[in-house]
Amino acid sequence: ELLLAFTNDWHHLYWSGFAVTSPAPTALVVFEHS
């Protein structure tokens, strides 16, 4: 699981994407789970 997470940029098998809830610095980052 750790290997998947740390290499996710190469395959996106762990997190399929990321979304930021607003333009503010305090915005939350939403992890899109595969």
PDB file of all heavy atoms in Angstrom:
ATOM      1  N   GLU A   1       0.836  -1.211   0.000  1.00  0.00           N
ATOM      2  CA  GLU A   1       0.000   0.000   0.000  1.00  0.00           C
ATOM      3  C   GLU A   1       0.867   1.257   0.000  1.00  0.00           C
ATOM      4  O   GLU A   1       0.588   2.220  -0.728  1.00  0.00           O
ATOM      5  CB  GLU A   1      -0.938   0.005   1.196  1.00  0.00           C
ATOM      6  CG  GLU A   1      -1.875   1.195   1.209  1.00  0.00           C
ATOM      7  CD  GLU A   1      -2.999   1.080   2.208  1.00  0.00           C
ATOM      8  OE1 GLU A   1      -3.069   0.046   2.909  1.00  0.00           O
ATOM      9  OE2 GLU A   1      -3.830   2.008   2.282  1.00  0.00           O
ATOM     10  N   LEU A   2       1.924   1.255   0.798  1.00  0.00           N
ATOM     11  CA  LEU A   2       2.826   2.405   0.820  1.00  0.00           C
ATOM     12  C   LEU A   2       3.513   2.592  -0.528  1.00  0.00           C
ATOM     13  O   LEU A   2       3.672   3.729  -1.003  1.00  0.00           O
ATOM     14  CB  LEU A   2       3.877   2.235   1.918  1.00  0.00           C
ATOM     15  CG  LEU A   2       3.391   2.406   3.348  1.00  0.00           C
ATOM     16  CD1 LEU A   2       4.512   2.111   4.332  1.00  0.00           C
ATOM     17  CD2 LEU A   2       2.849   3.819   3.573  1.00  0.00           C
ATOM     18  N   LEU A   3       3.911   1.497  -1.149  1.00  0.00           N
ATOM     19  CA  LEU A   3       4.546   1.582  -2.462  1.00  0.00           C
ATOM     20  C   LEU A   3       3.598   2.207  -3.478  1.00  0.00           C
ATOM     21  O   LEU A   3       3.994   3.069  -4.270  1.00  0.00           O
ATOM     22  CB  LEU A   3       4.969   0.181  -2.918  1.00  0.00           C
ATOM     23  CG  LEU A   3       5.659   0.099  -4.284  1.00  0.00           C
ATOM     24  CD1 LEU A   3       6.978   0.864  -4.260  1.00  0.00           C
ATOM     25  CD2 LEU A   3       5.891  -1.356  -4.684  1.00  0.00           C
ATOM     26  N   LEU A   4       2.333   1.788  -3.440  1.00  0.00           N
ATOM     27  CA  LEU A   4       1.339   2.368  -4.338  1.00  0.00           C
ATOM     28  C   LEU A   4       1.183   3.870  -4.106  1.00  0.00           C
ATOM     29  O   LEU A   4       1.106   4.660  -5.054  1.00  0.00           O
ATOM     30  CB  LEU A   4      -0.015   1.676  -4.150  1.00  0.00           C
ATOM     31  CG  LEU A   4      -0.183   0.283  -4.738  1.00  0.00           C
ATOM     32  CD1 LEU A   4      -1.560  -0.268  -4.363  1.00  0.00           C
ATOM     33  CD2 LEU A   4      -0.024   0.300  -6.259  1.00  0.00           C
ATOM     34  N   ALA A   5       1.130   4.257  -2.837  1.00  0.00           N
ATOM     35  CA  ALA A   5       0.910   5.666  -2.512  1.00  0.00           C
ATOM     36  C   ALA A   5       2.086   6.534  -2.954  1.00  0.00           C
ATOM     37  O   ALA A   5       1.893   7.598  -3.555  1.00  0.00           O
ATOM     38  CB  ALA A   5       0.659   5.820  -1.012  1.00  0.00           C
ATOM     39  N   PHE A   6       3.304   6.082  -2.654  1.00  0.00           N
ATOM     40  CA  PHE A   6       4.467   6.906  -2.956  1.00  0.00           C
ATOM     41  C   PHE A   6       4.812   6.927  -4.443  1.00  0.00           C
ATOM     42  O   PHE A   6       5.549   7.804  -4.886  1.00  0.00           O
ATOM     43  CB  PHE A   6       5.666   6.439  -2.128  1.00  0.00           C
ATOM     44  CG  PHE A   6       5.686   7.002  -0.738  1.00  0.00           C
ATOM     45  CD1 PHE A   6       5.052   6.334   0.305  1.00  0.00           C
ATOM     46  CD2 PHE A   6       6.309   8.205  -0.455  1.00  0.00           C
ATOM     47  CE1 PHE A   6       5.043   6.851   1.590  1.00  0.00           C
ATOM     48  CE2 PHE A   6       6.316   8.734   0.836  1.00  0.00           C
ATOM     49  CZ  PHE A   6       5.677   8.056   1.853  1.00  0.00           C
ATOM     50  N   THR A   7       4.312   5.975  -5.205  1.00  0.00           N
ATOM     51  CA  THR A   7       4.553   5.959  -6.662  1.00  0.00           C
ATOM     52  C   THR A   7       3.288   6.301  -7.428  1.00  0.00           C
ATOM     53  O   THR A   7       3.210   6.052  -8.629  1.00  0.00           O
ATOM     54  CB  THR A   7       5.078   4.576  -7.103  1.00  0.00           C
ATOM     55  OG1 THR A   7       4.084   3.567  -6.790  1.00  0.00           O
ATOM     56  CG2 THR A   7       6.383   4.237  -6.402  1.00  0.00           C
ATOM     57  N   ASN A   8       2.312   6.874  -6.749  1.00  0.00           N
ATOM     58  CA  ASN A   8       1.003   7.115  -7.368  1.00  0.00           C
ATOM     59  C   ASN A   8       1.087   8.012  -8.597  1.00  0.00           C
ATOM     60  O   ASN A   8       0.297   7.862  -9.532  1.00  0.00           O
ATOM     61  CB  ASN A   8       0.052   7.736  -6.343  1.00  0.00           C
ATOM     62  CG  ASN A   8      -1.363   7.815  -6.849  1.00  0.00           C
ATOM     63  OD1 ASN A   8      -2.074   6.822  -6.938  1.00  0.00           O
ATOM     64  ND2 ASN A   8      -1.807   9.026  -7.217  1.00  0.00           N
ATOM     65  N   ASP A   9       2.035   8.951  -8.608  1.00  0.00           N
ATOM     66  CA  ASP A   9       2.158   9.856  -9.752  1.00  0.00           C
ATOM     67  C   ASP A   9       2.445   9.109 -11.047  1.00  0.00           C
ATOM     68  O   ASP A   9       2.176   9.626 -12.138  1.00  0.00           O
ATOM     69  CB  ASP A   9       3.278  10.874  -9.503  1.00  0.00           C
ATOM     70  CG  ASP A   9       2.910  11.867  -8.408  1.00  0.00           C
ATOM     71  OD1 ASP A   9       1.709  11.954  -8.075  1.00  0.00           O
ATOM     72  OD2 ASP A   9       3.816  12.549  -7.889  1.00  0.00           O
ATOM     73  N   TRP A  10       2.986   7.909 -10.942  1.00  0.00           N
ATOM     74  CA  TRP A  10       3.336   7.140 -12.130  1.00  0.00           C
ATOM     75  C   TRP A  10       2.182   6.310 -12.670  1.00  0.00           C
ATOM     76  O   TRP A  10       2.167   5.976 -13.858  1.00  0.00           O
ATOM     77  CB  TRP A  10       4.524   6.210 -11.835  1.00  0.00           C
ATOM     78  CG  TRP A  10       5.759   6.933 -11.393  1.00  0.00           C
ATOM     79  CD1 TRP A  10       6.022   8.272 -11.533  1.00  0.00           C
ATOM     80  CD2 TRP A  10       6.893   6.371 -10.728  1.00  0.00           C
ATOM     81  NE1 TRP A  10       7.248   8.581 -10.994  1.00  0.00           N
ATOM     82  CE2 TRP A  10       7.810   7.435 -10.497  1.00  0.00           C
ATOM     83  CE3 TRP A  10       7.225   5.089 -10.308  1.00  0.00           C
ATOM     84  CZ2 TRP A  10       9.029   7.244  -9.870  1.00  0.00           C
ATOM     85  CZ3 TRP A  10       8.444   4.904  -9.678  1.00  0.00           C
ATOM     86  CH2 TRP A  10       9.340   5.960  -9.465  1.00  0.00           C
ATOM     87  N   HIS A  11       1.240   5.923 -11.797  1.00  0.00           N
ATOM     88  CA  HIS A  11       0.203   4.982 -12.250  1.00  0.00           C
ATOM     89  C   HIS A  11      -1.221   5.350 -11.843  1.00  0.00           C
ATOM     90  O   HIS A  11      -2.171   4.871 -12.447  1.00  0.00           O
ATOM     91  CB  HIS A  11       0.512   3.579 -11.705  1.00  0.00           C
ATOM     92  CG  HIS A  11       0.840   3.556 -10.244  1.00  0.00           C
ATOM     93  ND1 HIS A  11      -0.101   3.821  -9.262  1.00  0.00           N
ATOM     94  CD2 HIS A  11       2.008   3.308  -9.585  1.00  0.00           C
ATOM     95  CE1 HIS A  11       0.471   3.724  -8.072  1.00  0.00           C
ATOM     96  NE2 HIS A  11       1.745   3.421  -8.219  1.00  0.00           N
ATOM     97  N   HIS A  12      -1.372   6.174 -10.805  1.00  0.00           N
ATOM     98  CA  HIS A  12      -2.695   6.601 -10.319  1.00  0.00           C
ATOM     99  C   HIS A  12      -3.585   5.417  -9.940  1.00  0.00           C
ATOM    100  O   HIS A  12      -4.809   5.494 -10.074  1.00  0.00           O
ATOM    101  CB  HIS A  12      -3.403   7.471 -11.361  1.00  0.00           C
ATOM    102  CG  HIS A  12      -2.598   8.675 -11.763  1.00  0.00           C
ATOM    103  ND1 HIS A  12      -2.409   9.757 -10.929  1.00  0.00           N
ATOM    104  CD2 HIS A  12      -1.906   8.939 -12.914  1.00  0.00           C
ATOM    105  CE1 HIS A  12      -1.651  10.653 -11.544  1.00  0.00           C
ATOM    106  NE2 HIS A  12      -1.332  10.181 -12.733  1.00  0.00           N
ATOM    107  N   LEU A  13      -2.973   4.364  -9.453  1.00  0.00           N
ATOM    108  CA  LEU A  13      -3.742   3.189  -9.026  1.00  0.00           C
ATOM    109  C   LEU A  13      -4.235   3.307  -7.590  1.00  0.00           C
ATOM    110  O   LEU A  13      -5.125   2.557  -7.170  1.00  0.00           O
ATOM    111  CB  LEU A  13      -2.885   1.922  -9.165  1.00  0.00           C
ATOM    112  CG  LEU A  13      -2.519   1.502 -10.587  1.00  0.00           C
ATOM    113  CD1 LEU A  13      -1.561   0.310 -10.558  1.00  0.00           C
ATOM    114  CD2 LEU A  13      -3.774   1.151 -11.367  1.00  0.00           C
ATOM    115  N   TYR A  14      -3.656   4.239  -6.839  1.00  0.00           N
ATOM    116  CA  TYR A  14      -4.048   4.394  -5.430  1.00  0.00           C
ATOM    117  C   TYR A  14      -5.010   5.573  -5.275  1.00  0.00           C
ATOM    118  O   TYR A  14      -6.102   5.419  -4.749  1.00  0.00           O
ATOM    119  CB  TYR A  14      -2.805   4.583  -4.569  1.00  0.00           C
ATOM    120  CG  TYR A  14      -3.081   4.472  -3.091  1.00  0.00           C
ATOM    121  CD1 TYR A  14      -3.382   3.239  -2.513  1.00  0.00           C
ATOM    122  CD2 TYR A  14      -3.038   5.591  -2.258  1.00  0.00           C
ATOM    123  CE1 TYR A  14      -3.643   3.127  -1.154  1.00  0.00           C
ATOM    124  CE2 TYR A  14      -3.295   5.490  -0.901  1.00  0.00           C
ATOM    125  CZ  TYR A  14      -3.596   4.252  -0.354  1.00  0.00           C
ATOM    126  OH  TYR A  14      -3.860   4.146   0.988  1.00  0.00           O
ATOM    127  N   TRP A  15      -4.560   6.735  -5.703  1.00  0.00           N
ATOM    128  CA  TRP A  15      -5.444   7.900  -5.793  1.00  0.00           C
ATOM    129  C   TRP A  15      -5.628   8.227  -7.266  1.00  0.00           C
ATOM    130  O   TRP A  15      -4.659   8.448  -7.987  1.00  0.00           O
ATOM    131  CB  TRP A  15      -4.849   9.109  -5.077  1.00  0.00           C
ATOM    132  CG  TRP A  15      -4.741   8.962  -3.591  1.00  0.00           C
ATOM    133  CD1 TRP A  15      -5.750   8.682  -2.714  1.00  0.00           C
ATOM    134  CD2 TRP A  15      -3.554   9.096  -2.791  1.00  0.00           C
ATOM    135  NE1 TRP A  15      -5.278   8.627  -1.430  1.00  0.00           N
ATOM    136  CE2 TRP A  15      -3.932   8.880  -1.445  1.00  0.00           C
ATOM    137  CE3 TRP A  15      -2.219   9.382  -3.080  1.00  0.00           C
ATOM    138  CZ2 TRP A  15      -3.022   8.935  -0.394  1.00  0.00           C
ATOM    139  CZ3 TRP A  15      -1.315   9.427  -2.046  1.00  0.00           C
ATOM    140  CH2 TRP A  15      -1.717   9.213  -0.718  1.00  0.00           C
ATOM    141  N   SER A  16      -6.855   8.262  -7.712  1.00  0.00           N
ATOM    142  CA  SER A  16      -7.108   8.544  -9.128  1.00  0.00           C
ATOM    143  C   SER A  16      -6.998  10.024  -9.445  1.00  0.00           C
ATOM    144  O   SER A  16      -6.906  10.410 -10.612  1.00  0.00           O
ATOM    145  CB  SER A  16      -8.490   8.030  -9.532  1.00  0.00           C
ATOM    146  OG  SER A  16      -9.500   8.570  -8.693  1.00  0.00           O
ATOM    147  N   GLY A  17      -7.016  10.873  -8.430  1.00  0.00           N
ATOM    148  CA  GLY A  17      -6.878  12.309  -8.637  1.00  0.00           C
ATOM    149  C   GLY A  17      -7.028  13.064  -7.332  1.00  0.00           C
ATOM    150  O   GLY A  17      -7.255  12.471  -6.269  1.00  0.00           O
ATOM    151  N   PHE A  18      -6.865  14.384  -7.426  1.00  0.00           N
ATOM    152  CA  PHE A  18      -6.985  15.251  -6.263  1.00  0.00           C
ATOM    153  C   PHE A  18      -7.841  16.455  -6.655  1.00  0.00           C
ATOM    154  O   PHE A  18      -7.804  16.903  -7.797  1.00  0.00           O
ATOM    155  CB  PHE A  18      -5.615  15.747  -5.788  1.00  0.00           C
ATOM    156  CG  PHE A  18      -4.599  14.655  -5.605  1.00  0.00           C
ATOM    157  CD1 PHE A  18      -3.704  14.334  -6.614  1.00  0.00           C
ATOM    158  CD2 PHE A  18      -4.550  13.940  -4.421  1.00  0.00           C
ATOM    159  CE1 PHE A  18      -2.769  13.331  -6.450  1.00  0.00           C
ATOM    160  CE2 PHE A  18      -3.625  12.928  -4.245  1.00  0.00           C
ATOM    161  CZ  PHE A  18      -2.732  12.621  -5.260  1.00  0.00           C
ATOM    162  N   ALA A  19      -8.579  16.967  -5.697  1.00  0.00           N
ATOM    163  CA  ALA A  19      -9.392  18.156  -5.931  1.00  0.00           C
ATOM    164  C   ALA A  19      -9.254  19.082  -4.731  1.00  0.00           C
ATOM    165  O   ALA A  19      -9.180  18.618  -3.589  1.00  0.00           O
ATOM    166  CB  ALA A  19     -10.854  17.778  -6.148  1.00  0.00           C
ATOM    167  N   VAL A  20      -9.207  20.381  -4.998  1.00  0.00           N
ATOM    168  CA  VAL A  20      -9.120  21.391  -3.943  1.00  0.00           C
ATOM    169  C   VAL A  20     -10.477  22.058  -3.833  1.00  0.00           C
ATOM    170  O   VAL A  20     -11.075  22.449  -4.840  1.00  0.00           O
ATOM    171  CB  VAL A  20      -8.024  22.428  -4.256  1.00  0.00           C
ATOM    172  CG1 VAL A  20      -7.921  23.455  -3.140  1.00  0.00           C
ATOM    173  CG2 VAL A  20      -6.685  21.733  -4.460  1.00  0.00           C
ATOM    174  N   THR A  21     -10.985  22.180  -2.610  1.00  0.00           N
ATOM    175  CA  THR A  21     -12.365  22.621  -2.419  1.00  0.00           C
ATOM    176  C   THR A  21     -12.591  24.104  -2.685  1.00  0.00           C
ATOM    177  O   THR A  21     -13.732  24.520  -2.902  1.00  0.00           O
ATOM    178  CB  THR A  21     -12.830  22.297  -0.984  1.00  0.00           C
ATOM    179  OG1 THR A  21     -11.924  22.908  -0.045  1.00  0.00           O
ATOM    180  CG2 THR A  21     -12.867  20.788  -0.757  1.00  0.00           C
ATOM    181  N   SER A  22     -11.512  24.911  -2.673  1.00  0.00           N
ATOM    182  CA  SER A  22     -11.660  26.342  -2.958  1.00  0.00           C
ATOM    183  C   SER A  22     -10.284  26.919  -3.278  1.00  0.00           C
ATOM    184  O   SER A  22      -9.265  26.256  -3.065  1.00  0.00           O
ATOM    185  CB  SER A  22     -12.280  27.068  -1.758  1.00  0.00           C
ATOM    186  OG  SER A  22     -11.311  27.302  -0.755  1.00  0.00           O
ATOM    187  N   PRO A  23     -10.224  28.158  -3.790  1.00  0.00           N
ATOM    188  CA  PRO A  23      -8.918  28.774  -4.081  1.00  0.00           C
ATOM    189  C   PRO A  23      -8.188  29.254  -2.822  1.00  0.00           C
ATOM    190  O   PRO A  23      -7.039  29.677  -2.910  1.00  0.00           O
ATOM    191  CB  PRO A  23      -9.285  29.976  -4.973  1.00  0.00           C
ATOM    192  CG  PRO A  23     -10.703  29.771  -5.384  1.00  0.00           C
ATOM    193  CD  PRO A  23     -11.339  28.977  -4.289  1.00  0.00           C
ATOM    194  N   ALA A  24      -8.820  29.201  -1.668  1.00  0.00           N
ATOM    195  CA  ALA A  24      -8.217  29.738  -0.448  1.00  0.00           C
ATOM    196  C   ALA A  24      -7.084  28.845   0.060  1.00  0.00           C
ATOM    197  O   ALA A  24      -7.094  27.630  -0.163  1.00  0.00           O
ATOM    198  CB  ALA A  24      -9.283  29.873   0.639  1.00  0.00           C
ATOM    199  N   PRO A  25      -6.109  29.435   0.761  1.00  0.00           N
ATOM    200  CA  PRO A  25      -5.022  28.626   1.339  1.00  0.00           C
ATOM    201  C   PRO A  25      -5.524  27.585   2.329  1.00  0.00           C
ATOM    202  O   PRO A  25      -4.884  26.555   2.528  1.00  0.00           O
ATOM    203  CB  PRO A  25      -4.139  29.665   2.037  1.00  0.00           C
ATOM    204  CG  PRO A  25      -4.464  30.962   1.391  1.00  0.00           C
ATOM    205  CD  PRO A  25      -5.910  30.881   1.008  1.00  0.00           C
ATOM    206  N   THR A  26      -6.665  27.869   2.962  1.00  0.00           N
ATOM    207  CA  THR A  26      -7.231  26.952   3.947  1.00  0.00           C
ATOM    208  C   THR A  26      -8.089  25.858   3.316  1.00  0.00           C
ATOM    209  O   THR A  26      -8.696  25.055   4.038  1.00  0.00           O
ATOM    210  CB  THR A  26      -8.096  27.737   4.950  1.00  0.00           C
ATOM    211  OG1 THR A  26      -9.088  28.478   4.224  1.00  0.00           O
ATOM    212  CG2 THR A  26      -7.243  28.699   5.762  1.00  0.00           C
ATOM    213  N   ALA A  27      -8.142  25.808   1.998  1.00  0.00           N
ATOM    214  CA  ALA A  27      -8.989  24.828   1.316  1.00  0.00           C
ATOM    215  C   ALA A  27      -8.561  23.401   1.664  1.00  0.00           C
ATOM    216  O   ALA A  27      -7.395  23.134   1.959  1.00  0.00           O
ATOM    217  CB  ALA A  27      -8.920  25.037  -0.193  1.00  0.00           C
ATOM    218  N   LEU A  28      -9.527  22.507   1.613  1.00  0.00           N
ATOM    219  CA  LEU A  28      -9.248  21.088   1.842  1.00  0.00           C
ATOM    220  C   LEU A  28      -8.856  20.431   0.534  1.00  0.00           C
ATOM    221  O   LEU A  28      -9.330  20.817  -0.545  1.00  0.00           O
ATOM    222  CB  LEU A  28     -10.478  20.395   2.421  1.00  0.00           C
ATOM    223  CG  LEU A  28     -10.972  20.903   3.775  1.00  0.00           C
ATOM    224  CD1 LEU A  28     -12.276  20.212   4.148  1.00  0.00           C
ATOM    225  CD2 LEU A  28      -9.925  20.676   4.855  1.00  0.00           C
ATOM    226  N   VAL A  29      -7.995  19.448   0.631  1.00  0.00           N
ATOM    227  CA  VAL A  29      -7.625  18.641  -0.533  1.00  0.00           C
ATOM    228  C   VAL A  29      -8.410  17.333  -0.459  1.00  0.00           C
ATOM    229  O   VAL A  29      -8.306  16.599   0.527  1.00  0.00           O
ATOM    230  CB  VAL A  29      -6.108  18.359  -0.566  1.00  0.00           C
ATOM    231  CG1 VAL A  29      -5.761  17.457  -1.750  1.00  0.00           C
ATOM    232  CG2 VAL A  29      -5.330  19.667  -0.639  1.00  0.00           C
ATOM    233  N   VAL A  30      -9.205  17.075  -1.470  1.00  0.00           N
ATOM    234  CA  VAL A  30     -10.009  15.864  -1.520  1.00  0.00           C
ATOM    235  C   VAL A  30      -9.270  14.824  -2.359  1.00  0.00           C
ATOM    236  O   VAL A  30      -8.940  15.072  -3.521  1.00  0.00           O
ATOM    237  CB  VAL A  30     -11.396  16.141  -2.126  1.00  0.00           C
ATOM    238  CG1 VAL A  30     -12.222  14.860  -2.193  1.00  0.00           C
ATOM    239  CG2 VAL A  30     -12.132  17.200  -1.300  1.00  0.00           C
ATOM    240  N   PHE A  31      -9.010  13.666  -1.765  1.00  0.00           N
ATOM    241  CA  PHE A  31      -8.336  12.574  -2.459  1.00  0.00           C
ATOM    242  C   PHE A  31      -9.391  11.686  -3.113  1.00  0.00           C
ATOM    243  O   PHE A  31     -10.309  11.218  -2.445  1.00  0.00           O
ATOM    244  CB  PHE A  31      -7.489  11.751  -1.478  1.00  0.00           C
ATOM    245  CG  PHE A  31      -6.298  12.484  -0.952  1.00  0.00           C
ATOM    246  CD1 PHE A  31      -6.432  13.410   0.080  1.00  0.00           C
ATOM    247  CD2 PHE A  31      -5.045  12.252  -1.469  1.00  0.00           C
ATOM    248  CE1 PHE A  31      -5.335  14.100   0.570  1.00  0.00           C
ATOM    249  CE2 PHE A  31      -3.934  12.921  -0.986  1.00  0.00           C
ATOM    250  CZ  PHE A  31      -4.079  13.854   0.034  1.00  0.00           C
ATOM    251  N   GLU A  32      -9.252  11.488  -4.407  1.00  0.00           N
ATOM    252  CA  GLU A  32     -10.180  10.624  -5.139  1.00  0.00           C
ATOM    253  C   GLU A  32      -9.627   9.202  -5.117  1.00  0.00           C
ATOM    254  O   GLU A  32      -8.592   8.917  -5.708  1.00  0.00           O
ATOM    255  CB  GLU A  32     -10.350  11.135  -6.568  1.00  0.00           C
ATOM    256  CG  GLU A  32     -10.925  12.560  -6.614  1.00  0.00           C
ATOM    257  CD  GLU A  32     -10.876  13.147  -8.010  1.00  0.00           C
ATOM    258  OE1 GLU A  32     -10.439  12.434  -8.952  1.00  0.00           O
ATOM    259  OE2 GLU A  32     -11.273  14.322  -8.167  1.00  0.00           O
ATOM    260  N   HIS A  33     -10.320   8.336  -4.396  1.00  0.00           N
ATOM    261  CA  HIS A  33      -9.808   6.987  -4.159  1.00  0.00           C
ATOM    262  C   HIS A  33     -10.179   6.032  -5.279  1.00  0.00           C
ATOM    263  O   HIS A  33     -11.309   6.030  -5.767  1.00  0.00           O
ATOM    264  CB  HIS A  33     -10.359   6.453  -2.836  1.00  0.00           C
ATOM    265  CG  HIS A  33      -9.960   7.287  -1.660  1.00  0.00           C
ATOM    266  ND1 HIS A  33     -10.769   8.276  -1.141  1.00  0.00           N
ATOM    267  CD2 HIS A  33      -8.832   7.297  -0.910  1.00  0.00           C
ATOM    268  CE1 HIS A  33     -10.158   8.845  -0.119  1.00  0.00           C
ATOM    269  NE2 HIS A  33      -8.989   8.281   0.044  1.00  0.00           N
ATOM    270  N   SER A  34      -9.210   5.211  -5.650  1.00  0.00           N
ATOM    271  CA  SER A  34      -9.425   4.197  -6.683  1.00  0.00           C
ATOM    272  C   SER A  34     -10.074   2.962  -6.077  1.00  0.00           C
ATOM    273  O   SER A  34     -10.190   2.824  -4.860  1.00  0.00           O
ATOM    274  CB  SER A  34      -8.088   3.817  -7.318  1.00  0.00           C
ATOM    275  OG  SER A  34      -7.277   3.144  -6.359  1.00  0.00           O
TER     276      SER A  34
END
